[in-house]
Amino acid sequence: MAAYLVADVDVTDAVAFEQYRREVPATEVRFGGRYLGRGGLTKVLEGDWEPHRLVIIEFPDRDSLMGWYQSPEYAPLRALRESCARTRIIALEGVPVSSPV
């Protein structure tokens, strides 16, 4: 079952973050990750959430998502991101296609 990484990224150092943004996709491919949304325009429809830069990445399953997140390939980029952005990240398990919402 697919799993999704959802991140709300508040960039504090745009120059350093640009390096992260360029290099991180290559680390995700090995784990089957693909972007569904990445930094596009957002509009809050309800509530008081004020998102910054939203990112949604789909992985084949939770193990693949966690494998990428904890991988040695991603570790230096994760440290870079942590130095140039404040980020809130969740892992969300998908539902079977035949399941009602």
N, C-alpha and C. Protein backbone atom coordinates (compact mmCIF):
# COMPACT_ATOMS: atom_id res chain seq x y z
N MET A 1 0.84 -1.17 0.00
CA MET A 1 0.00 0.00 0.00
C MET A 1 0.90 1.24 0.00
N ALA A 2 0.58 2.21 -0.83
CA ALA A 2 1.38 3.43 -0.94
C ALA A 2 1.46 4.15 0.40
N ALA A 3 2.54 4.89 0.55
CA ALA A 3 2.73 5.75 1.72
C ALA A 3 3.20 7.11 1.21
N TYR A 4 2.88 8.14 1.97
CA TYR A 4 3.15 9.50 1.54
C TYR A 4 3.93 10.24 2.60
N LEU A 5 4.94 10.96 2.14
CA LEU A 5 5.65 11.88 3.01
C LEU A 5 5.06 13.26 2.73
N VAL A 6 4.61 13.92 3.79
CA VAL A 6 4.05 15.27 3.66
C VAL A 6 4.91 16.19 4.52
N ALA A 7 5.47 17.21 3.89
CA ALA A 7 6.36 18.13 4.60
C ALA A 7 5.91 19.56 4.40
N ASP A 8 5.97 20.32 5.48
CA ASP A 8 5.75 21.76 5.45
C ASP A 8 7.10 22.38 5.78
N VAL A 9 7.70 23.03 4.80
CA VAL A 9 9.08 23.50 4.91
C VAL A 9 9.12 25.02 4.95
N ASP A 10 9.70 25.56 6.02
CA ASP A 10 9.90 27.00 6.16
C ASP A 10 11.39 27.25 5.94
N VAL A 11 11.74 27.68 4.74
CA VAL A 11 13.14 27.88 4.36
C VAL A 11 13.70 29.11 5.06
N THR A 12 14.84 28.94 5.73
CA THR A 12 15.49 30.05 6.43
C THR A 12 16.78 30.50 5.75
N ASP A 13 17.33 29.68 4.86
CA ASP A 13 18.52 30.02 4.09
C ASP A 13 18.32 29.50 2.67
N ALA A 14 17.87 30.39 1.79
CA ALA A 14 17.49 30.00 0.43
C ALA A 14 18.66 29.45 -0.37
N VAL A 15 19.85 29.97 -0.19
CA VAL A 15 21.01 29.50 -0.95
C VAL A 15 21.34 28.05 -0.59
N ALA A 16 21.42 27.75 0.69
CA ALA A 16 21.70 26.38 1.13
C ALA A 16 20.55 25.45 0.74
N PHE A 17 19.33 25.93 0.86
CA PHE A 17 18.18 25.07 0.54
C PHE A 17 18.16 24.72 -0.94
N GLU A 18 18.64 25.59 -1.79
CA GLU A 18 18.68 25.30 -3.23
C GLU A 18 19.54 24.07 -3.50
N GLN A 19 20.64 23.91 -2.79
CA GLN A 19 21.47 22.71 -2.95
C GLN A 19 20.67 21.47 -2.53
N TYR A 20 19.99 21.55 -1.41
CA TYR A 20 19.15 20.43 -0.95
C TYR A 20 18.11 20.08 -2.02
N ARG A 21 17.41 21.09 -2.51
CA ARG A 21 16.34 20.88 -3.48
C ARG A 21 16.86 20.22 -4.76
N ARG A 22 18.05 20.57 -5.18
CA ARG A 22 18.64 19.99 -6.39
C ARG A 22 19.06 18.53 -6.19
N GLU A 23 19.60 18.23 -5.02
CA GLU A 23 20.22 16.92 -4.80
C GLU A 23 19.29 15.84 -4.24
N VAL A 24 18.25 16.23 -3.54
CA VAL A 24 17.43 15.23 -2.85
C VAL A 24 16.65 14.28 -3.78
N PRO A 25 16.15 14.71 -4.95
CA PRO A 25 15.39 13.77 -5.78
C PRO A 25 16.14 12.50 -6.15
N ALA A 26 17.43 12.59 -6.40
CA ALA A 26 18.21 11.40 -6.77
C ALA A 26 18.23 10.37 -5.64
N THR A 27 18.13 10.80 -4.39
CA THR A 27 18.12 9.85 -3.28
C THR A 27 16.78 9.14 -3.16
N GLU A 28 15.71 9.77 -3.59
CA GLU A 28 14.36 9.20 -3.46
C GLU A 28 14.06 8.15 -4.53
N VAL A 29 14.63 8.33 -5.72
CA VAL A 29 14.35 7.43 -6.84
C VAL A 29 14.64 5.97 -6.49
N ARG A 30 15.74 5.73 -5.82
CA ARG A 30 16.13 4.35 -5.45
C ARG A 30 15.06 3.66 -4.60
N PHE A 31 14.28 4.43 -3.88
CA PHE A 31 13.25 3.88 -2.99
C PHE A 31 11.85 3.99 -3.60
N GLY A 32 11.77 4.36 -4.86
CA GLY A 32 10.48 4.43 -5.55
C GLY A 32 9.72 5.70 -5.28
N GLY A 33 10.37 6.73 -4.74
CA GLY A 33 9.68 7.98 -4.43
C GLY A 33 9.41 8.80 -5.68
N ARG A 34 8.23 9.44 -5.69
CA ARG A 34 7.90 10.36 -6.79
C ARG A 34 7.08 11.52 -6.22
N TYR A 35 7.36 12.69 -6.73
CA TYR A 35 6.70 13.89 -6.24
C TYR A 35 5.27 13.98 -6.76
N LEU A 36 4.36 14.28 -5.85
CA LEU A 36 2.98 14.58 -6.21
C LEU A 36 2.74 16.09 -6.13
N GLY A 37 3.48 16.75 -5.29
CA GLY A 37 3.42 18.20 -5.15
C GLY A 37 4.72 18.67 -4.55
N ARG A 38 5.21 19.83 -5.03
CA ARG A 38 6.51 20.29 -4.54
C ARG A 38 6.58 21.81 -4.68
N GLY A 39 6.24 22.50 -3.60
CA GLY A 39 6.42 23.94 -3.56
C GLY A 39 5.43 24.75 -4.37
N GLY A 40 4.32 24.16 -4.76
CA GLY A 40 3.33 24.90 -5.54
C GLY A 40 2.49 25.82 -4.68
N LEU A 41 1.67 26.59 -5.33
CA LEU A 41 0.76 27.52 -4.66
C LEU A 41 -0.20 26.75 -3.75
N THR A 42 -0.41 27.24 -2.54
CA THR A 42 -1.37 26.62 -1.63
C THR A 42 -2.44 27.63 -1.25
N LYS A 43 -3.59 27.11 -0.86
CA LYS A 43 -4.70 27.95 -0.39
C LYS A 43 -5.35 27.23 0.78
N VAL A 44 -5.35 27.85 1.93
CA VAL A 44 -5.99 27.26 3.10
C VAL A 44 -7.50 27.38 2.92
N LEU A 45 -8.19 26.26 3.01
CA LEU A 45 -9.65 26.26 2.87
C LEU A 45 -10.35 26.31 4.21
N GLU A 46 -9.73 25.75 5.24
CA GLU A 46 -10.30 25.78 6.59
C GLU A 46 -9.18 25.77 7.61
N GLY A 47 -9.47 26.31 8.78
CA GLY A 47 -8.53 26.26 9.88
C GLY A 47 -7.51 27.38 9.86
N ASP A 48 -6.56 27.29 10.79
CA ASP A 48 -5.59 28.36 10.97
C ASP A 48 -4.18 27.96 10.53
N TRP A 49 -4.07 26.89 9.76
CA TRP A 49 -2.78 26.43 9.27
C TRP A 49 -2.23 27.45 8.28
N GLU A 50 -0.97 27.80 8.42
CA GLU A 50 -0.30 28.69 7.50
C GLU A 50 0.91 27.97 6.91
N PRO A 51 0.68 27.13 5.90
CA PRO A 51 1.79 26.35 5.34
C PRO A 51 2.79 27.25 4.63
N HIS A 52 4.00 26.75 4.55
CA HIS A 52 5.07 27.47 3.86
C HIS A 52 5.26 26.82 2.50
N ARG A 53 6.24 25.98 2.37
CA ARG A 53 6.52 25.26 1.12
C ARG A 53 6.10 23.81 1.36
N LEU A 54 5.02 23.39 0.75
CA LEU A 54 4.53 22.03 0.96
C LEU A 54 5.11 21.07 -0.07
N VAL A 55 5.41 19.87 0.41
CA VAL A 55 5.95 18.81 -0.45
C VAL A 55 5.19 17.53 -0.13
N ILE A 56 4.76 16.82 -1.18
CA ILE A 56 4.13 15.51 -1.02
C ILE A 56 4.86 14.54 -1.93
N ILE A 57 5.39 13.47 -1.33
CA ILE A 57 6.11 12.44 -2.08
C ILE A 57 5.43 11.11 -1.83
N GLU A 58 5.14 10.39 -2.91
CA GLU A 58 4.54 9.06 -2.81
C GLU A 58 5.65 8.01 -2.89
N PHE A 59 5.58 7.03 -2.01
CA PHE A 59 6.47 5.87 -2.02
C PHE A 59 5.61 4.62 -2.18
N PRO A 60 6.18 3.54 -2.68
CA PRO A 60 5.39 2.31 -2.87
C PRO A 60 4.75 1.80 -1.58
N ASP A 61 5.43 2.00 -0.45
CA ASP A 61 4.93 1.52 0.83
C ASP A 61 5.69 2.23 1.96
N ARG A 62 5.25 1.99 3.18
CA ARG A 62 5.86 2.65 4.34
C ARG A 62 7.32 2.23 4.52
N ASP A 63 7.63 0.98 4.27
CA ASP A 63 9.01 0.52 4.40
C ASP A 63 9.94 1.27 3.44
N SER A 64 9.48 1.52 2.22
CA SER A 64 10.28 2.27 1.25
C SER A 64 10.47 3.71 1.72
N LEU A 65 9.41 4.33 2.22
CA LEU A 65 9.51 5.70 2.72
C LEU A 65 10.51 5.77 3.86
N MET A 66 10.38 4.88 4.83
CA MET A 66 11.28 4.90 5.98
C MET A 66 12.70 4.50 5.57
N GLY A 67 12.82 3.60 4.61
CA GLY A 67 14.13 3.22 4.11
C GLY A 67 14.86 4.42 3.54
N TRP A 68 14.15 5.22 2.76
CA TRP A 68 14.75 6.45 2.21
C TRP A 68 15.10 7.42 3.33
N TYR A 69 14.15 7.70 4.21
CA TYR A 69 14.34 8.71 5.25
C TYR A 69 15.52 8.37 6.16
N GLN A 70 15.75 7.09 6.40
CA GLN A 70 16.82 6.66 7.29
C GLN A 70 18.08 6.21 6.53
N SER A 71 18.12 6.42 5.22
CA SER A 71 19.24 5.91 4.41
C SER A 71 20.50 6.75 4.59
N PRO A 72 21.65 6.11 4.41
CA PRO A 72 22.93 6.83 4.45
C PRO A 72 23.03 7.87 3.32
N GLU A 73 22.37 7.61 2.19
CA GLU A 73 22.40 8.56 1.08
C GLU A 73 21.68 9.86 1.43
N TYR A 74 20.60 9.76 2.18
CA TYR A 74 19.83 10.95 2.54
C TYR A 74 20.39 11.67 3.76
N ALA A 75 21.13 11.00 4.61
CA ALA A 75 21.59 11.58 5.88
C ALA A 75 22.29 12.94 5.72
N PRO A 76 23.25 13.10 4.80
CA PRO A 76 23.90 14.41 4.70
C PRO A 76 22.95 15.50 4.18
N LEU A 77 22.02 15.12 3.34
CA LEU A 77 21.04 16.09 2.84
C LEU A 77 20.03 16.45 3.93
N ARG A 78 19.70 15.48 4.74
CA ARG A 78 18.81 15.76 5.88
C ARG A 78 19.47 16.77 6.82
N ALA A 79 20.76 16.58 7.09
CA ALA A 79 21.49 17.53 7.94
C ALA A 79 21.52 18.91 7.29
N LEU A 80 21.72 18.96 5.98
CA LEU A 80 21.70 20.24 5.27
C LEU A 80 20.34 20.91 5.41
N ARG A 81 19.26 20.14 5.19
CA ARG A 81 17.91 20.70 5.32
C ARG A 81 17.67 21.23 6.72
N GLU A 82 18.09 20.48 7.71
CA GLU A 82 17.89 20.91 9.09
C GLU A 82 18.64 22.20 9.42
N SER A 83 19.71 22.47 8.67
CA SER A 83 20.48 23.70 8.91
C SER A 83 19.91 24.91 8.18
N CYS A 84 19.05 24.68 7.20
CA CYS A 84 18.57 25.81 6.39
C CYS A 84 17.06 25.93 6.31
N ALA A 85 16.33 25.13 7.11
CA ALA A 85 14.87 25.18 7.08
C ALA A 85 14.30 24.61 8.38
N ARG A 86 13.14 25.11 8.75
CA ARG A 86 12.35 24.50 9.83
C ARG A 86 11.28 23.67 9.12
N THR A 87 11.21 22.40 9.49
CA THR A 87 10.35 21.49 8.73
C THR A 87 9.48 20.66 9.66
N ARG A 88 8.24 20.49 9.27
CA ARG A 88 7.33 19.56 9.92
C ARG A 88 7.04 18.48 8.88
N ILE A 89 7.28 17.22 9.26
CA ILE A 89 7.16 16.11 8.31
C ILE A 89 6.32 14.99 8.94
N ILE A 90 5.43 14.43 8.14
CA ILE A 90 4.69 13.25 8.58
C ILE A 90 4.78 12.17 7.51
N ALA A 91 4.63 10.94 7.93
CA ALA A 91 4.47 9.81 7.03
C ALA A 91 3.01 9.38 7.13
N LEU A 92 2.36 9.28 5.99
CA LEU A 92 0.94 8.94 5.94
C LEU A 92 0.76 7.68 5.13
N GLU A 93 0.15 6.66 5.73
CA GLU A 93 -0.11 5.42 5.01
C GLU A 93 -1.36 5.61 4.15
N GLY A 94 -1.28 5.16 2.90
CA GLY A 94 -2.42 5.26 2.01
C GLY A 94 -3.49 4.22 2.34
N VAL A 95 -4.54 4.24 1.57
CA VAL A 95 -5.62 3.27 1.74
C VAL A 95 -5.72 2.44 0.47
N PRO A 96 -6.19 1.20 0.58
CA PRO A 96 -6.37 0.39 -0.62
C PRO A 96 -7.31 1.09 -1.60
N VAL A 97 -7.06 0.90 -2.87
CA VAL A 97 -7.86 1.57 -3.89
C VAL A 97 -9.34 1.27 -3.74
N SER A 98 -9.70 0.07 -3.32
CA SER A 98 -11.09 -0.31 -3.22
C SER A 98 -11.76 0.15 -1.93
N SER A 99 -11.01 0.78 -1.01
CA SER A 99 -11.59 1.21 0.26
C SER A 99 -12.38 2.50 0.08
N PRO A 100 -13.54 2.59 0.75
CA PRO A 100 -14.27 3.86 0.72
C PRO A 100 -13.52 4.89 1.56
N VAL A 101 -13.70 6.13 1.24
CA VAL A 101 -12.99 7.21 1.96
C VAL A 101 -13.51 7.35 3.36
